[in-house]
PDB file of N, CA and C in Angstrom:
ATOM      1  N   UNK A   1       0.837  -1.170   0.000  1.00  0.00           N
ATOM      2  CA  UNK A   1       0.000   0.000   0.000  1.00  0.00           C
ATOM      3  C   UNK A   1       0.890   1.245   0.000  1.00  0.00           C
ATOM      4  N   UNK A   2       0.654   2.127  -0.941  1.00  0.00           N
ATOM      5  CA  UNK A   2       1.383   3.390  -0.953  1.00  0.00           C
ATOM      6  C   UNK A   2       0.733   4.349   0.027  1.00  0.00           C
ATOM      7  N   UNK A   3       1.539   5.135   0.635  1.00  0.00           N
ATOM      8  CA  UNK A   3       1.046   6.055   1.651  1.00  0.00           C
ATOM      9  C   UNK A   3       0.713   7.388   0.994  1.00  0.00           C
ATOM     10  N   UNK A   4      -0.459   7.884   1.254  1.00  0.00           N
ATOM     11  CA  UNK A   4      -0.916   9.133   0.657  1.00  0.00           C
ATOM     12  C   UNK A   4      -0.943  10.238   1.711  1.00  0.00           C
ATOM     13  N   UNK A   5      -0.581  11.434   1.316  1.00  0.00           N
ATOM     14  CA  UNK A   5      -0.709  12.602   2.173  1.00  0.00           C
ATOM     15  C   UNK A   5      -1.855  13.442   1.642  1.00  0.00           C
ATOM     16  N   UNK A   6      -2.159  14.510   2.331  1.00  0.00           N
ATOM     17  CA  UNK A   6      -3.217  15.402   1.879  1.00  0.00           C
ATOM     18  C   UNK A   6      -2.872  16.000   0.522  1.00  0.00           C
ATOM     19  N   UNK A   7      -1.613  16.237   0.260  1.00  0.00           N
ATOM     20  CA  UNK A   7      -1.168  16.755  -1.030  1.00  0.00           C
ATOM     21  C   UNK A   7      -0.677  15.570  -1.847  1.00  0.00           C
ATOM     22  N   UNK A   8      -1.465  15.143  -2.811  1.00  0.00           N
ATOM     23  CA  UNK A   8      -1.123  13.958  -3.600  1.00  0.00           C
ATOM     24  C   UNK A   8       0.229  14.139  -4.269  1.00  0.00           C
ATOM     25  N   UNK A   9       1.005  13.096  -4.275  1.00  0.00           N
ATOM     26  CA  UNK A   9       2.284  13.114  -4.959  1.00  0.00           C
ATOM     27  C   UNK A   9       3.460  13.499  -4.090  1.00  0.00           C
ATOM     28  N   UNK A  10       3.221  13.992  -2.899  1.00  0.00           N
ATOM     29  CA  UNK A  10       4.331  14.364  -2.022  1.00  0.00           C
ATOM     30  C   UNK A  10       4.485  13.304  -0.947  1.00  0.00           C
ATOM     31  N   UNK A  11       5.543  12.549  -1.070  1.00  0.00           N
ATOM     32  CA  UNK A  11       5.842  11.522  -0.075  1.00  0.00           C
ATOM     33  C   UNK A  11       7.286  11.728   0.362  1.00  0.00           C
ATOM     34  N   UNK A  12       7.573  11.359   1.584  1.00  0.00           N
ATOM     35  CA  UNK A  12       8.881  11.657   2.135  1.00  0.00           C
ATOM     36  C   UNK A  12       9.539  10.415   2.696  1.00  0.00           C
ATOM     37  N   UNK A  13      10.827  10.261   2.416  1.00  0.00           N
ATOM     38  CA  UNK A  13      11.607   9.177   2.983  1.00  0.00           C
ATOM     39  C   UNK A  13      12.173   9.616   4.318  1.00  0.00           C
ATOM     40  N   UNK A  14      12.948   8.749   4.952  1.00  0.00           N
ATOM     41  CA  UNK A  14      13.480   9.104   6.262  1.00  0.00           C
ATOM     42  C   UNK A  14      14.997   9.097   6.281  1.00  0.00           C
ATOM     43  N   UNK A  15      15.593   9.693   5.253  1.00  0.00           N
ATOM     44  CA  UNK A  15      17.027   9.943   5.293  1.00  0.00           C
ATOM     45  C   UNK A  15      17.272  10.891   6.468  1.00  0.00           C
ATOM     46  N   UNK A  16      18.506  10.949   6.996  1.00  0.00           N
ATOM     47  CA  UNK A  16      18.759  11.825   8.147  1.00  0.00           C
ATOM     48  C   UNK A  16      18.264  13.264   7.953  1.00  0.00           C
ATOM     49  N   UNK A  17      18.410  13.800   6.750  1.00  0.00           N
ATOM     50  CA  UNK A  17      17.945  15.169   6.508  1.00  0.00           C
ATOM     51  C   UNK A  17      16.432  15.283   6.612  1.00  0.00           C
ATOM     52  N   UNK A  18      15.717  14.224   6.245  1.00  0.00           N
ATOM     53  CA  UNK A  18      14.259  14.257   6.293  1.00  0.00           C
ATOM     54  C   UNK A  18      13.736  14.143   7.719  1.00  0.00           C
ATOM     55  N   UNK A  19      14.543  13.608   8.620  1.00  0.00           N
ATOM     56  CA  UNK A  19      14.111  13.431  10.003  1.00  0.00           C
ATOM     57  C   UNK A  19      14.583  14.521  10.943  1.00  0.00           C
ATOM     58  N   UNK A  20      15.288  15.518  10.404  1.00  0.00           N
ATOM     59  CA  UNK A  20      15.781  16.612  11.241  1.00  0.00           C
ATOM     60  C   UNK A  20      14.607  17.398  11.822  1.00  0.00           C
ATOM     61  N   UNK A  21      14.780  17.921  13.014  1.00  0.00           N
ATOM     62  CA  UNK A  21      13.694  18.657  13.674  1.00  0.00           C
ATOM     63  C   UNK A  21      13.214  19.833  12.835  1.00  0.00           C
ATOM     64  N   UNK A  22      14.152  20.536  12.192  1.00  0.00           N
ATOM     65  CA  UNK A  22      13.744  21.675  11.364  1.00  0.00           C
ATOM     66  C   UNK A  22      12.939  21.214  10.155  1.00  0.00           C
ATOM     67  N   UNK A  23      13.312  20.065   9.586  1.00  0.00           N
ATOM     68  CA  UNK A  23      12.569  19.526   8.450  1.00  0.00           C
ATOM     69  C   UNK A  23      11.174  19.106   8.879  1.00  0.00           C
ATOM     70  N   UNK A  24      11.077  18.423  10.011  1.00  0.00           N
ATOM     71  CA  UNK A  24       9.781  17.990  10.529  1.00  0.00           C
ATOM     72  C   UNK A  24       8.884  19.199  10.774  1.00  0.00           C
ATOM     73  N   UNK A  25       9.427  20.237  11.380  1.00  0.00           N
ATOM     74  CA  UNK A  25       8.651  21.450  11.653  1.00  0.00           C
ATOM     75  C   UNK A  25       8.174  22.085  10.345  1.00  0.00           C
ATOM     76  N   UNK A  26       9.065  22.146   9.329  1.00  0.00           N
ATOM     77  CA  UNK A  26       8.707  22.702   8.026  1.00  0.00           C
ATOM     78  C   UNK A  26       7.554  21.912   7.407  1.00  0.00           C
ATOM     79  N   UNK A  27       7.637  20.578   7.454  1.00  0.00           N
ATOM     80  CA  UNK A  27       6.588  19.742   6.870  1.00  0.00           C
ATOM     81  C   UNK A  27       5.268  19.898   7.614  1.00  0.00           C
ATOM     82  N   UNK A  28       5.318  20.020   8.924  1.00  0.00           N
ATOM     83  CA  UNK A  28       4.089  20.222   9.700  1.00  0.00           C
ATOM     84  C   UNK A  28       3.400  21.523   9.304  1.00  0.00           C
ATOM     85  N   UNK A  29       4.186  22.566   9.072  1.00  0.00           N
ATOM     86  CA  UNK A  29       3.624  23.861   8.687  1.00  0.00           C
ATOM     87  C   UNK A  29       3.084  23.813   7.264  1.00  0.00           C
ATOM     88  N   UNK A  30       3.850  23.244   6.337  1.00  0.00           N
ATOM     89  CA  UNK A  30       3.472  23.244   4.930  1.00  0.00           C
ATOM     90  C   UNK A  30       2.364  22.251   4.596  1.00  0.00           C
ATOM     91  N   UNK A  31       2.395  21.091   5.224  1.00  0.00           N
ATOM     92  CA  UNK A  31       1.479  20.015   4.849  1.00  0.00           C
ATOM     93  C   UNK A  31       0.406  19.792   5.905  1.00  0.00           C
ATOM     94  N   UNK A  32       0.693  20.079   7.125  1.00  0.00           N
ATOM     95  CA  UNK A  32      -0.268  19.817   8.189  1.00  0.00           C
ATOM     96  C   UNK A  32       0.093  18.535   8.892  1.00  0.00           C
ATOM     97  N   UNK A  33      -0.367  17.437   8.375  1.00  0.00           N
ATOM     98  CA  UNK A  33      -0.021  16.149   8.984  1.00  0.00           C
ATOM     99  C   UNK A  33       0.706  15.301   7.951  1.00  0.00           C
ATOM    100  N   UNK A  34       1.654  14.573   8.406  1.00  0.00           N
ATOM    101  CA  UNK A  34       2.383  13.654   7.541  1.00  0.00           C
ATOM    102  C   UNK A  34       2.782  12.463   8.390  1.00  0.00           C
ATOM    103  N   UNK A  35       3.291  11.441   7.741  1.00  0.00           N
ATOM    104  CA  UNK A  35       3.583  10.198   8.446  1.00  0.00           C
ATOM    105  C   UNK A  35       4.889  10.257   9.211  1.00  0.00           C
ATOM    106  N   UNK A  36       4.885   9.647  10.360  1.00  0.00           N
ATOM    107  CA  UNK A  36       6.120   9.502  11.108  1.00  0.00           C
ATOM    108  C   UNK A  36       6.898   8.327  10.532  1.00  0.00           C
ATOM    109  N   UNK A  37       8.163   8.228  10.880  1.00  0.00           N
ATOM    110  CA  UNK A  37       8.977   7.151  10.314  1.00  0.00           C
ATOM    111  C   UNK A  37       8.509   5.773  10.754  1.00  0.00           C
ATOM    112  N   UNK A  38       7.788   5.687  11.858  1.00  0.00           N
ATOM    113  CA  UNK A  38       7.268   4.395  12.297  1.00  0.00           C
ATOM    114  C   UNK A  38       6.205   3.857  11.342  1.00  0.00           C
ATOM    115  N   UNK A  39       5.524   4.738  10.624  1.00  0.00           N
ATOM    116  CA  UNK A  39       4.476   4.326   9.692  1.00  0.00           C
ATOM    117  C   UNK A  39       4.961   4.231   8.250  1.00  0.00           C
ATOM    118  N   UNK A  40       6.197   4.656   8.003  1.00  0.00           N
ATOM    119  CA  UNK A  40       6.727   4.691   6.640  1.00  0.00           C
ATOM    120  C   UNK A  40       7.204   3.302   6.234  1.00  0.00           C
ATOM    121  N   UNK A  41       6.908   2.843   5.012  1.00  0.00           N
ATOM    122  CA  UNK A  41       7.348   1.517   4.586  1.00  0.00           C
ATOM    123  C   UNK A  41       8.868   1.444   4.467  1.00  0.00           C
ATOM    124  N   UNK A  42       9.435   0.349   4.899  1.00  0.00           N
ATOM    125  CA  UNK A  42      10.879   0.165   4.845  1.00  0.00           C
ATOM    126  C   UNK A  42      11.293  -0.149   3.412  1.00  0.00           C
ATOM    127  N   UNK A  43      12.235   0.628   2.903  1.00  0.00           N
ATOM    128  CA  UNK A  43      12.808   0.414   1.574  1.00  0.00           C
ATOM    129  C   UNK A  43      11.743   0.245   0.501  1.00  0.00           C
ATOM    130  N   UNK A  44      10.785   1.134   0.443  1.00  0.00           N
ATOM    131  CA  UNK A  44       9.761   1.099  -0.606  1.00  0.00           C
ATOM    132  C   UNK A  44      10.392   1.448  -1.945  1.00  0.00           C
ATOM    133  N   UNK A  45      10.561   0.488  -2.863  1.00  0.00           N
ATOM    134  CA  UNK A  45      11.266   0.756  -4.117  1.00  0.00           C
ATOM    135  C   UNK A  45      10.566   1.768  -5.007  1.00  0.00           C
ATOM    136  N   UNK A  46       9.268   1.872  -4.919  1.00  0.00           N
ATOM    137  CA  UNK A  46       8.553   2.798  -5.782  1.00  0.00           C
ATOM    138  C   UNK A  46       8.514   4.217  -5.224  1.00  0.00           C
ATOM    139  N   UNK A  47       9.146   4.467  -4.100  1.00  0.00           N
ATOM    140  CA  UNK A  47       9.134   5.798  -3.513  1.00  0.00           C
ATOM    141  C   UNK A  47      10.285   6.670  -4.003  1.00  0.00           C
ATOM    142  N   UNK A  48      11.366   6.074  -4.464  1.00  0.00           N
ATOM    143  CA  UNK A  48      12.536   6.850  -4.871  1.00  0.00           C
ATOM    144  C   UNK A  48      12.254   7.888  -5.953  1.00  0.00           C
ATOM    145  N   UNK A  49      11.512   7.591  -7.018  1.00  0.00           N
ATOM    146  CA  UNK A  49      11.274   8.621  -8.037  1.00  0.00           C
ATOM    147  C   UNK A  49      10.558   9.853  -7.492  1.00  0.00           C
ATOM    148  N   UNK A  50       9.829   9.707  -6.428  1.00  0.00           N
ATOM    149  CA  UNK A  50       9.110  10.843  -5.866  1.00  0.00           C
ATOM    150  C   UNK A  50      10.030  11.813  -5.147  1.00  0.00           C
ATOM    151  N   UNK A  51      11.251  11.394  -4.870  1.00  0.00           N
ATOM    152  CA  UNK A  51      12.205  12.314  -4.254  1.00  0.00           C
ATOM    153  C   UNK A  51      12.399  13.552  -5.113  1.00  0.00           C
ATOM    154  N   UNK A  52      12.297  13.396  -6.432  1.00  0.00           N
ATOM    155  CA  UNK A  52      12.474  14.541  -7.312  1.00  0.00           C
ATOM    156  C   UNK A  52      11.391  15.580  -7.055  1.00  0.00           C
ATOM    157  N   UNK A  53      10.187  15.133  -6.795  1.00  0.00           N
ATOM    158  CA  UNK A  53       9.087  16.046  -6.470  1.00  0.00           C
ATOM    159  C   UNK A  53       9.376  16.777  -5.164  1.00  0.00           C
ATOM    160  N   UNK A  54       9.832  16.045  -4.181  1.00  0.00           N
ATOM    161  CA  UNK A  54      10.105  16.630  -2.866  1.00  0.00           C
ATOM    162  C   UNK A  54      11.215  17.661  -2.964  1.00  0.00           C
ATOM    163  N   UNK A  55      12.327  17.291  -3.601  1.00  0.00           N
ATOM    164  CA  UNK A  55      13.449  18.224  -3.676  1.00  0.00           C
ATOM    165  C   UNK A  55      13.096  19.440  -4.513  1.00  0.00           C
ATOM    166  N   UNK A  56      12.323  19.240  -5.574  1.00  0.00           N
ATOM    167  CA  UNK A  56      11.885  20.372  -6.391  1.00  0.00           C
ATOM    168  C   UNK A  56      11.032  21.341  -5.587  1.00  0.00           C
ATOM    169  N   UNK A  57      10.117  20.786  -4.801  1.00  0.00           N
ATOM    170  CA  UNK A  57       9.247  21.608  -3.960  1.00  0.00           C
ATOM    171  C   UNK A  57      10.067  22.378  -2.926  1.00  0.00           C
ATOM    172  N   UNK A  58      10.967  21.677  -2.251  1.00  0.00           N
ATOM    173  CA  UNK A  58      11.771  22.331  -1.218  1.00  0.00           C
ATOM    174  C   UNK A  58      12.699  23.379  -1.820  1.00  0.00           C
ATOM    175  N   UNK A  59      13.294  23.067  -2.976  1.00  0.00           N
ATOM    176  CA  UNK A  59      14.172  24.039  -3.626  1.00  0.00           C
ATOM    177  C   UNK A  59      13.387  25.294  -3.999  1.00  0.00           C
ATOM    178  N   UNK A  60      12.193  25.099  -4.534  1.00  0.00           N
ATOM    179  CA  UNK A  60      11.349  26.235  -4.903  1.00  0.00           C
ATOM    180  C   UNK A  60      11.025  27.099  -3.685  1.00  0.00           C
ATOM    181  N   UNK A  61      10.696  26.458  -2.571  1.00  0.00           N
ATOM    182  CA  UNK A  61      10.367  27.191  -1.350  1.00  0.00           C
ATOM    183  C   UNK A  61      11.574  27.968  -0.821  1.00  0.00           C
ATOM    184  N   UNK A  62      12.735  27.348  -0.869  1.00  0.00           N
ATOM    185  CA  UNK A  62      13.924  27.981  -0.310  1.00  0.00           C
ATOM    186  C   UNK A  62      14.487  29.077  -1.197  1.00  0.00           C
ATOM    187  N   UNK A  63      14.422  28.894  -2.512  1.00  0.00           N
ATOM    188  CA  UNK A  63      14.985  29.905  -3.405  1.00  0.00           C
ATOM    189  C   UNK A  63      14.062  31.098  -3.586  1.00  0.00           C
ATOM    190  N   UNK A  64      12.811  30.970  -3.176  1.00  0.00           N
ATOM    191  CA  UNK A  64      11.889  32.097  -3.308  1.00  0.00           C
ATOM    192  C   UNK A  64      12.047  33.094  -2.159  1.00  0.00           C
ATOM    193  N   UNK A  65      12.921  32.789  -1.214  1.00  0.00           N
ATOM    194  CA  UNK A  65      13.142  33.661  -0.056  1.00  0.00           C
ATOM    195  C   UNK A  65      14.546  34.246  -0.101  1.00  0.00           C
ATOM    196  N   UNK A  66      14.680  35.439   0.408  1.00  0.00           N
ATOM    197  CA  UNK A  66      16.010  36.032   0.543  1.00  0.00           C
ATOM    198  C   UNK A  66      16.661  35.470   1.793  1.00  0.00           C
ATOM    199  N   UNK A  67      17.816  34.863   1.607  1.00  0.00           N
ATOM    200  CA  UNK A  67      18.521  34.265   2.744  1.00  0.00           C
ATOM    201  C   UNK A  67      19.739  35.092   3.072  1.00  0.00           C
TER     202      UNK A  67
END
């Protein structure tokens, strides 16, 4: 079973960067609710291509701000 979020197409893995407190806080603000790593499928092979969606979204959010 693939895990769905409120925003279709955005799924997140649990690499160390994805589990950082700042990342978790960002996802809670942007998405509302998302899955914890305890509910995430281990080594889901069909999840890797979606990383491009996640990184594209995050890059867009970060580059639209003056840092």
